[in-house]
Amino acid sequence: MSSKDFLSDLSTLAKESVVRKKALEGEEKLDTIGTQADATITIRVNKTLKDEFTKVCKKNHSTPSREVKLFMNEIIRKQKLD
């Protein structure tokens, strides 16, 4: 194994370690959040956007609120926005 390959492998491992650490931090934060809904977020969106989103949610047996909460949980779990 050349030193270039070794350094490349080491760099890859370091990046994977950072991703795993963030995932663990995200899981720990989710554990402390709990499930009780005790706050409200109010946002303004275009009516057509809201209506289309609601249709997609209904088609998938869900609600806009549920999907936004799932999105928020995923962001916390990943500890980054994609």
PDB file of N, CA and C in Angstrom:
ATOM      1  N   MET A   1       0.853  -1.179   0.000  1.00  0.00           N
ATOM      2  CA  MET A   1       0.000   0.000   0.000  1.00  0.00           C
ATOM      3  C   MET A   1       0.893   1.235   0.000  1.00  0.00           C
ATOM      4  N   SER A   2       0.611   2.125  -0.930  1.00  0.00           N
ATOM      5  CA  SER A   2       1.411   3.343  -1.008  1.00  0.00           C
ATOM      6  C   SER A   2       0.959   4.327   0.063  1.00  0.00           C
ATOM      7  N   SER A   3       1.821   5.285   0.328  1.00  0.00           N
ATOM      8  CA  SER A   3       1.477   6.293   1.336  1.00  0.00           C
ATOM      9  C   SER A   3       0.296   7.135   0.864  1.00  0.00           C
ATOM     10  N   LYS A   4       0.142   7.298  -0.455  1.00  0.00           N
ATOM     11  CA  LYS A   4      -0.990   8.053  -0.999  1.00  0.00           C
ATOM     12  C   LYS A   4      -2.306   7.313  -0.711  1.00  0.00           C
ATOM     13  N   ASP A   5      -2.298   5.985  -0.914  1.00  0.00           N
ATOM     14  CA  ASP A   5      -3.483   5.175  -0.616  1.00  0.00           C
ATOM     15  C   ASP A   5      -3.801   5.210   0.878  1.00  0.00           C
ATOM     16  N   PHE A   6      -2.750   5.107   1.687  1.00  0.00           N
ATOM     17  CA  PHE A   6      -2.924   5.133   3.134  1.00  0.00           C
ATOM     18  C   PHE A   6      -3.557   6.447   3.574  1.00  0.00           C
ATOM     19  N   LEU A   7      -3.044   7.554   3.043  1.00  0.00           N
ATOM     20  CA  LEU A   7      -3.583   8.869   3.403  1.00  0.00           C
ATOM     21  C   LEU A   7      -5.026   9.024   2.918  1.00  0.00           C
ATOM     22  N   SER A   8      -5.317   8.489   1.749  1.00  0.00           N
ATOM     23  CA  SER A   8      -6.682   8.543   1.220  1.00  0.00           C
ATOM     24  C   SER A   8      -7.630   7.739   2.115  1.00  0.00           C
ATOM     25  N   ASP A   9      -7.196   6.536   2.506  1.00  0.00           N
ATOM     26  CA  ASP A   9      -8.007   5.705   3.399  1.00  0.00           C
ATOM     27  C   ASP A   9      -8.198   6.379   4.753  1.00  0.00           C
ATOM     28  N   LEU A  10      -7.146   6.977   5.260  1.00  0.00           N
ATOM     29  CA  LEU A  10      -7.209   7.667   6.544  1.00  0.00           C
ATOM     30  C   LEU A  10      -8.174   8.854   6.467  1.00  0.00           C
ATOM     31  N   SER A  11      -8.115   9.590   5.373  1.00  0.00           N
ATOM     32  CA  SER A  11      -9.015  10.726   5.170  1.00  0.00           C
ATOM     33  C   SER A  11     -10.465  10.257   5.110  1.00  0.00           C
ATOM     34  N   THR A  12     -10.708   9.170   4.404  1.00  0.00           N
ATOM     35  CA  THR A  12     -12.064   8.608   4.306  1.00  0.00           C
ATOM     36  C   THR A  12     -12.574   8.182   5.678  1.00  0.00           C
ATOM     37  N   LEU A  13     -11.734   7.517   6.450  1.00  0.00           N
ATOM     38  CA  LEU A  13     -12.122   7.091   7.797  1.00  0.00           C
ATOM     39  C   LEU A  13     -12.438   8.287   8.690  1.00  0.00           C
ATOM     40  N   ALA A  14     -11.655   9.336   8.573  1.00  0.00           N
ATOM     41  CA  ALA A  14     -11.889  10.534   9.384  1.00  0.00           C
ATOM     42  C   ALA A  14     -13.226  11.163   9.031  1.00  0.00           C
ATOM     43  N   LYS A  15     -13.531  11.249   7.746  1.00  0.00           N
ATOM     44  CA  LYS A  15     -14.820  11.813   7.313  1.00  0.00           C
ATOM     45  C   LYS A  15     -15.986  10.957   7.807  1.00  0.00           C
ATOM     46  N   GLU A  16     -15.848   9.637   7.705  1.00  0.00           N
ATOM     47  CA  GLU A  16     -16.897   8.735   8.188  1.00  0.00           C
ATOM     48  C   GLU A  16     -17.081   8.872   9.690  1.00  0.00           C
ATOM     49  N   SER A  17     -15.980   9.068  10.409  1.00  0.00           N
ATOM     50  CA  SER A  17     -16.040   9.241  11.855  1.00  0.00           C
ATOM     51  C   SER A  17     -16.832  10.494  12.219  1.00  0.00           C
ATOM     52  N   VAL A  18     -16.612  11.571  11.485  1.00  0.00           N
ATOM     53  CA  VAL A  18     -17.335  12.820  11.736  1.00  0.00           C
ATOM     54  C   VAL A  18     -18.830  12.613  11.489  1.00  0.00           C
ATOM     55  N   VAL A  19     -19.170  11.910  10.412  1.00  0.00           N
ATOM     56  CA  VAL A  19     -20.578  11.643  10.101  1.00  0.00           C
ATOM     57  C   VAL A  19     -21.208  10.808  11.210  1.00  0.00           C
ATOM     58  N   ARG A  20     -20.503   9.759  11.665  1.00  0.00           N
ATOM     59  CA  ARG A  20     -21.038   8.911  12.748  1.00  0.00           C
ATOM     60  C   ARG A  20     -21.201   9.705  14.037  1.00  0.00           C
ATOM     61  N   LYS A  21     -20.242  10.583  14.338  1.00  0.00           N
ATOM     62  CA  LYS A  21     -20.321  11.395  15.550  1.00  0.00           C
ATOM     63  C   LYS A  21     -21.536  12.310  15.491  1.00  0.00           C
ATOM     64  N   LYS A  22     -21.761  12.954  14.353  1.00  0.00           N
ATOM     65  CA  LYS A  22     -22.922  13.821  14.203  1.00  0.00           C
ATOM     66  C   LYS A  22     -24.211  13.031  14.349  1.00  0.00           C
ATOM     67  N   ALA A  23     -24.249  11.827  13.783  1.00  0.00           N
ATOM     68  CA  ALA A  23     -25.445  10.991  13.887  1.00  0.00           C
ATOM     69  C   ALA A  23     -25.718  10.641  15.341  1.00  0.00           C
ATOM     70  N   LEU A  24     -24.671  10.295  16.088  1.00  0.00           N
ATOM     71  CA  LEU A  24     -24.851   9.973  17.510  1.00  0.00           C
ATOM     72  C   LEU A  24     -25.325  11.194  18.286  1.00  0.00           C
ATOM     73  N   GLU A  25     -24.743  12.353  17.991  1.00  0.00           N
ATOM     74  CA  GLU A  25     -25.180  13.582  18.656  1.00  0.00           C
ATOM     75  C   GLU A  25     -26.638  13.861  18.344  1.00  0.00           C
ATOM     76  N   GLY A  26     -27.021  13.631  17.088  1.00  0.00           N
ATOM     77  CA  GLY A  26     -28.408  13.845  16.684  1.00  0.00           C
ATOM     78  C   GLY A  26     -29.352  12.909  17.413  1.00  0.00           C
ATOM     79  N   GLU A  27     -28.962  11.639  17.525  1.00  0.00           N
ATOM     80  CA  GLU A  27     -29.800  10.666  18.239  1.00  0.00           C
ATOM     81  C   GLU A  27     -29.940  11.063  19.711  1.00  0.00           C
ATOM     82  N   GLU A  28     -28.840  11.514  20.326  1.00  0.00           N
ATOM     83  CA  GLU A  28     -28.890  11.935  21.727  1.00  0.00           C
ATOM     84  C   GLU A  28     -29.824  13.130  21.891  1.00  0.00           C
ATOM     85  N   LYS A  29     -29.760  14.067  20.956  1.00  0.00           N
ATOM     86  CA  LYS A  29     -30.634  15.239  21.034  1.00  0.00           C
ATOM     87  C   LYS A  29     -32.088  14.833  20.856  1.00  0.00           C
ATOM     88  N   LEU A  30     -32.354  13.899  19.946  1.00  0.00           N
ATOM     89  CA  LEU A  30     -33.723  13.431  19.761  1.00  0.00           C
ATOM     90  C   LEU A  30     -34.243  12.757  21.031  1.00  0.00           C
ATOM     91  N   ASP A  31     -33.363  12.027  21.715  1.00  0.00           N
ATOM     92  CA  ASP A  31     -33.770  11.372  22.961  1.00  0.00           C
ATOM     93  C   ASP A  31     -34.193  12.384  24.016  1.00  0.00           C
ATOM     94  N   THR A  32     -33.559  13.536  24.041  1.00  0.00           N
ATOM     95  CA  THR A  32     -33.881  14.534  25.062  1.00  0.00           C
ATOM     96  C   THR A  32     -35.082  15.388  24.695  1.00  0.00           C
ATOM     97  N   ILE A  33     -35.476  15.364  23.429  1.00  0.00           N
ATOM     98  CA  ILE A  33     -36.581  16.212  22.984  1.00  0.00           C
ATOM     99  C   ILE A  33     -37.924  15.724  23.510  1.00  0.00           C
ATOM    100  N   GLY A  34     -38.143  14.437  23.469  1.00  0.00           N
ATOM    101  CA  GLY A  34     -39.433  13.915  23.912  1.00  0.00           C
ATOM    102  C   GLY A  34     -40.468  13.993  22.806  1.00  0.00           C
ATOM    103  N   THR A  35     -41.705  13.655  23.148  1.00  0.00           N
ATOM    104  CA  THR A  35     -42.751  13.596  22.122  1.00  0.00           C
ATOM    105  C   THR A  35     -43.904  14.553  22.378  1.00  0.00           C
ATOM    106  N   GLN A  36     -43.908  15.212  23.510  1.00  0.00           N
ATOM    107  CA  GLN A  36     -45.016  16.104  23.830  1.00  0.00           C
ATOM    108  C   GLN A  36     -44.954  17.361  22.965  1.00  0.00           C
ATOM    109  N   ALA A  37     -46.074  17.649  22.283  1.00  0.00           N
ATOM    110  CA  ALA A  37     -46.154  18.858  21.461  1.00  0.00           C
ATOM    111  C   ALA A  37     -46.538  20.021  22.371  1.00  0.00           C
ATOM    112  N   ASP A  38     -45.593  20.917  22.625  1.00  0.00           N
ATOM    113  CA  ASP A  38     -45.862  22.017  23.550  1.00  0.00           C
ATOM    114  C   ASP A  38     -45.446  23.376  22.984  1.00  0.00           C
ATOM    115  N   ALA A  39     -45.263  23.437  21.654  1.00  0.00           N
ATOM    116  CA  ALA A  39     -44.902  24.696  21.006  1.00  0.00           C
ATOM    117  C   ALA A  39     -45.532  24.734  19.616  1.00  0.00           C
ATOM    118  N   THR A  40     -45.636  25.925  19.068  1.00  0.00           N
ATOM    119  CA  THR A  40     -46.249  26.104  17.760  1.00  0.00           C
ATOM    120  C   THR A  40     -45.308  26.863  16.847  1.00  0.00           C
ATOM    121  N   ILE A  41     -45.256  26.434  15.584  1.00  0.00           N
ATOM    122  CA  ILE A  41     -44.534  27.157  14.552  1.00  0.00           C
ATOM    123  C   ILE A  41     -45.579  27.631  13.548  1.00  0.00           C
ATOM    124  N   THR A  42     -45.584  28.904  13.255  1.00  0.00           N
ATOM    125  CA  THR A  42     -46.508  29.446  12.264  1.00  0.00           C
ATOM    126  C   THR A  42     -45.695  29.972  11.090  1.00  0.00           C
ATOM    127  N   ILE A  43     -46.006  29.479   9.902  1.00  0.00           N
ATOM    128  CA  ILE A  43     -45.312  29.949   8.706  1.00  0.00           C
ATOM    129  C   ILE A  43     -46.339  30.345   7.649  1.00  0.00           C
ATOM    130  N   ARG A  44     -45.951  31.266   6.810  1.00  0.00           N
ATOM    131  CA  ARG A  44     -46.816  31.674   5.713  1.00  0.00           C
ATOM    132  C   ARG A  44     -46.246  31.082   4.427  1.00  0.00           C
ATOM    133  N   VAL A  45     -47.126  30.421   3.667  1.00  0.00           N
ATOM    134  CA  VAL A  45     -46.729  29.857   2.377  1.00  0.00           C
ATOM    135  C   VAL A  45     -47.802  30.187   1.347  1.00  0.00           C
ATOM    136  N   ASN A  46     -47.448  30.025   0.118  1.00  0.00           N
ATOM    137  CA  ASN A  46     -48.375  30.207  -0.982  1.00  0.00           C
ATOM    138  C   ASN A  46     -49.519  29.202  -0.846  1.00  0.00           C
ATOM    139  N   LYS A  47     -50.757  29.642  -1.078  1.00  0.00           N
ATOM    140  CA  LYS A  47     -51.932  28.774  -0.909  1.00  0.00           C
ATOM    141  C   LYS A  47     -51.852  27.533  -1.800  1.00  0.00           C
ATOM    142  N   THR A  48     -51.410  27.708  -3.028  1.00  0.00           N
ATOM    143  CA  THR A  48     -51.304  26.567  -3.936  1.00  0.00           C
ATOM    144  C   THR A  48     -50.281  25.558  -3.429  1.00  0.00           C
ATOM    145  N   LEU A  49     -49.164  26.055  -2.920  1.00  0.00           N
ATOM    146  CA  LEU A  49     -48.146  25.169  -2.345  1.00  0.00           C
ATOM    147  C   LEU A  49     -48.733  24.365  -1.191  1.00  0.00           C
ATOM    148  N   LYS A  50     -49.432  25.048  -0.305  1.00  0.00           N
ATOM    149  CA  LYS A  50     -50.047  24.369   0.845  1.00  0.00           C
ATOM    150  C   LYS A  50     -51.062  23.327   0.381  1.00  0.00           C
ATOM    151  N   ASP A  51     -51.918  23.719  -0.562  1.00  0.00           N
ATOM    152  CA  ASP A  51     -52.955  22.797  -1.049  1.00  0.00           C
ATOM    153  C   ASP A  51     -52.348  21.561  -1.702  1.00  0.00           C
ATOM    154  N   GLU A  52     -51.324  21.752  -2.510  1.00  0.00           N
ATOM    155  CA  GLU A  52     -50.676  20.607  -3.168  1.00  0.00           C
ATOM    156  C   GLU A  52     -49.971  19.708  -2.155  1.00  0.00           C
ATOM    157  N   PHE A  53     -49.315  20.322  -1.186  1.00  0.00           N
ATOM    158  CA  PHE A  53     -48.648  19.549  -0.136  1.00  0.00           C
ATOM    159  C   PHE A  53     -49.674  18.740   0.662  1.00  0.00           C
ATOM    160  N   THR A  54     -50.783  19.357   0.987  1.00  0.00           N
ATOM    161  CA  THR A  54     -51.851  18.673   1.723  1.00  0.00           C
ATOM    162  C   THR A  54     -52.386  17.493   0.915  1.00  0.00           C
ATOM    163  N   LYS A  55     -52.564  17.668  -0.397  1.00  0.00           N
ATOM    164  CA  LYS A  55     -53.036  16.567  -1.257  1.00  0.00           C
ATOM    165  C   LYS A  55     -52.063  15.391  -1.231  1.00  0.00           C
ATOM    166  N   VAL A  56     -50.768  15.698  -1.344  1.00  0.00           N
ATOM    167  CA  VAL A  56     -49.757  14.635  -1.329  1.00  0.00           C
ATOM    168  C   VAL A  56     -49.776  13.918   0.020  1.00  0.00           C
ATOM    169  N   CYS A  57     -49.897  14.685   1.087  1.00  0.00           N
ATOM    170  CA  CYS A  57     -49.943  14.084   2.423  1.00  0.00           C
ATOM    171  C   CYS A  57     -51.159  13.161   2.555  1.00  0.00           C
ATOM    172  N   LYS A  58     -52.324  13.644   2.131  1.00  0.00           N
ATOM    173  CA  LYS A  58     -53.549  12.819   2.218  1.00  0.00           C
ATOM    174  C   LYS A  58     -53.407  11.555   1.392  1.00  0.00           C
ATOM    175  N   LYS A  59     -52.833  11.694   0.204  1.00  0.00           N
ATOM    176  CA  LYS A  59     -52.644  10.542  -0.675  1.00  0.00           C
ATOM    177  C   LYS A  59     -51.761   9.487  -0.014  1.00  0.00           C
ATOM    178  N   ASN A  60     -50.879   9.944   0.867  1.00  0.00           N
ATOM    179  CA  ASN A  60     -49.959   9.047   1.571  1.00  0.00           C
ATOM    180  C   ASN A  60     -50.371   8.800   3.016  1.00  0.00           C
ATOM    181  N   HIS A  61     -51.652   9.075   3.314  1.00  0.00           N
ATOM    182  CA  HIS A  61     -52.225   8.823   4.642  1.00  0.00           C
ATOM    183  C   HIS A  61     -51.451   9.530   5.751  1.00  0.00           C
ATOM    184  N   SER A  62     -51.168  10.800   5.518  1.00  0.00           N
ATOM    185  CA  SER A  62     -50.436  11.587   6.494  1.00  0.00           C
ATOM    186  C   SER A  62     -51.037  12.987   6.557  1.00  0.00           C
ATOM    187  N   THR A  63     -50.386  13.864   7.327  1.00  0.00           N
ATOM    188  CA  THR A  63     -50.818  15.255   7.437  1.00  0.00           C
ATOM    189  C   THR A  63     -49.608  16.158   7.237  1.00  0.00           C
ATOM    190  N   PRO A  64     -49.835  17.403   6.841  1.00  0.00           N
ATOM    191  CA  PRO A  64     -48.708  18.326   6.722  1.00  0.00           C
ATOM    192  C   PRO A  64     -47.931  18.465   8.029  1.00  0.00           C
ATOM    193  N   SER A  65     -48.623  18.555   9.141  1.00  0.00           N
ATOM    194  CA  SER A  65     -47.934  18.691  10.431  1.00  0.00           C
ATOM    195  C   SER A  65     -47.014  17.502  10.701  1.00  0.00           C
ATOM    196  N   ARG A  66     -47.526  16.324  10.468  1.00  0.00           N
ATOM    197  CA  ARG A  66     -46.731  15.118  10.713  1.00  0.00           C
ATOM    198  C   ARG A  66     -45.482  15.098   9.843  1.00  0.00           C
ATOM    199  N   GLU A  67     -45.644  15.447   8.572  1.00  0.00           N
ATOM    200  CA  GLU A  67     -44.508  15.417   7.658  1.00  0.00           C
ATOM    201  C   GLU A  67     -43.457  16.468   8.011  1.00  0.00           C
ATOM    202  N   VAL A  68     -43.894  17.637   8.436  1.00  0.00           N
ATOM    203  CA  VAL A  68     -42.938  18.668   8.848  1.00  0.00           C
ATOM    204  C   VAL A  68     -42.189  18.208  10.105  1.00  0.00           C
ATOM    205  N   LYS A  69     -42.892  17.588  11.040  1.00  0.00           N
ATOM    206  CA  LYS A  69     -42.228  17.074  12.252  1.00  0.00           C
ATOM    207  C   LYS A  69     -41.207  15.998  11.899  1.00  0.00           C
ATOM    208  N   LEU A  70     -41.578  15.091  10.967  1.00  0.00           N
ATOM    209  CA  LEU A  70     -40.637  14.051  10.545  1.00  0.00           C
ATOM    210  C   LEU A  70     -39.405  14.669   9.887  1.00  0.00           C
ATOM    211  N   PHE A  71     -39.622  15.702   9.089  1.00  0.00           N
ATOM    212  CA  PHE A  71     -38.510  16.412   8.458  1.00  0.00           C
ATOM    213  C   PHE A  71     -37.595  17.029   9.515  1.00  0.00           C
ATOM    214  N   MET A  72     -38.182  17.664  10.508  1.00  0.00           N
ATOM    215  CA  MET A  72     -37.392  18.290  11.570  1.00  0.00           C
ATOM    216  C   MET A  72     -36.585  17.248  12.342  1.00  0.00           C
ATOM    217  N   ASN A  73     -37.213  16.106  12.641  1.00  0.00           N
ATOM    218  CA  ASN A  73     -36.500  15.038  13.349  1.00  0.00           C
ATOM    219  C   ASN A  73     -35.319  14.536  12.524  1.00  0.00           C
ATOM    220  N   GLU A  74     -35.508  14.394  11.218  1.00  0.00           N
ATOM    221  CA  GLU A  74     -34.433  13.911  10.362  1.00  0.00           C
ATOM    222  C   GLU A  74     -33.273  14.907  10.328  1.00  0.00           C
ATOM    223  N   ILE A  75     -33.576  16.187  10.287  1.00  0.00           N
ATOM    224  CA  ILE A  75     -32.530  17.210  10.307  1.00  0.00           C
ATOM    225  C   ILE A  75     -31.742  17.134  11.617  1.00  0.00           C
ATOM    226  N   ILE A  76     -32.439  16.951  12.716  1.00  0.00           N
ATOM    227  CA  ILE A  76     -31.761  16.833  14.014  1.00  0.00           C
ATOM    228  C   ILE A  76     -30.908  15.577  14.037  1.00  0.00           C
ATOM    229  N   ARG A  77     -31.441  14.486  13.516  1.00  0.00           N
ATOM    230  CA  ARG A  77     -30.699  13.225  13.508  1.00  0.00           C
ATOM    231  C   ARG A  77     -29.414  13.375  12.707  1.00  0.00           C
ATOM    232  N   LYS A  78     -29.488  14.000  11.536  1.00  0.00           N
ATOM    233  CA  LYS A  78     -28.314  14.166  10.671  1.00  0.00           C
ATOM    234  C   LYS A  78     -27.384  15.283  11.155  1.00  0.00           C
ATOM    235  N   GLN A  79     -27.947  16.244  11.893  1.00  0.00           N
ATOM    236  CA  GLN A  79     -27.206  17.411  12.352  1.00  0.00           C
ATOM    237  C   GLN A  79     -26.709  18.254  11.191  1.00  0.00           C
ATOM    238  N   LYS A  80     -27.477  18.243  10.091  1.00  0.00           N
ATOM    239  CA  LYS A  80     -27.157  19.117   8.963  1.00  0.00           C
ATOM    240  C   LYS A  80     -28.347  19.180   8.021  1.00  0.00           C
ATOM    241  N   LEU A  81     -28.361  20.233   7.224  1.00  0.00           N
ATOM    242  CA  LEU A  81     -29.366  20.386   6.182  1.00  0.00           C
ATOM    243  C   LEU A  81     -28.752  19.890   4.885  1.00  0.00           C
ATOM    244  N   ASP A  82     -29.528  19.181   4.106  1.00  0.00           N
ATOM    245  CA  ASP A  82     -29.003  18.702   2.804  1.00  0.00           C
ATOM    246  C   ASP A  82     -29.271  19.696   1.720  1.00  0.00           C
TER     247      ASP A  82
END
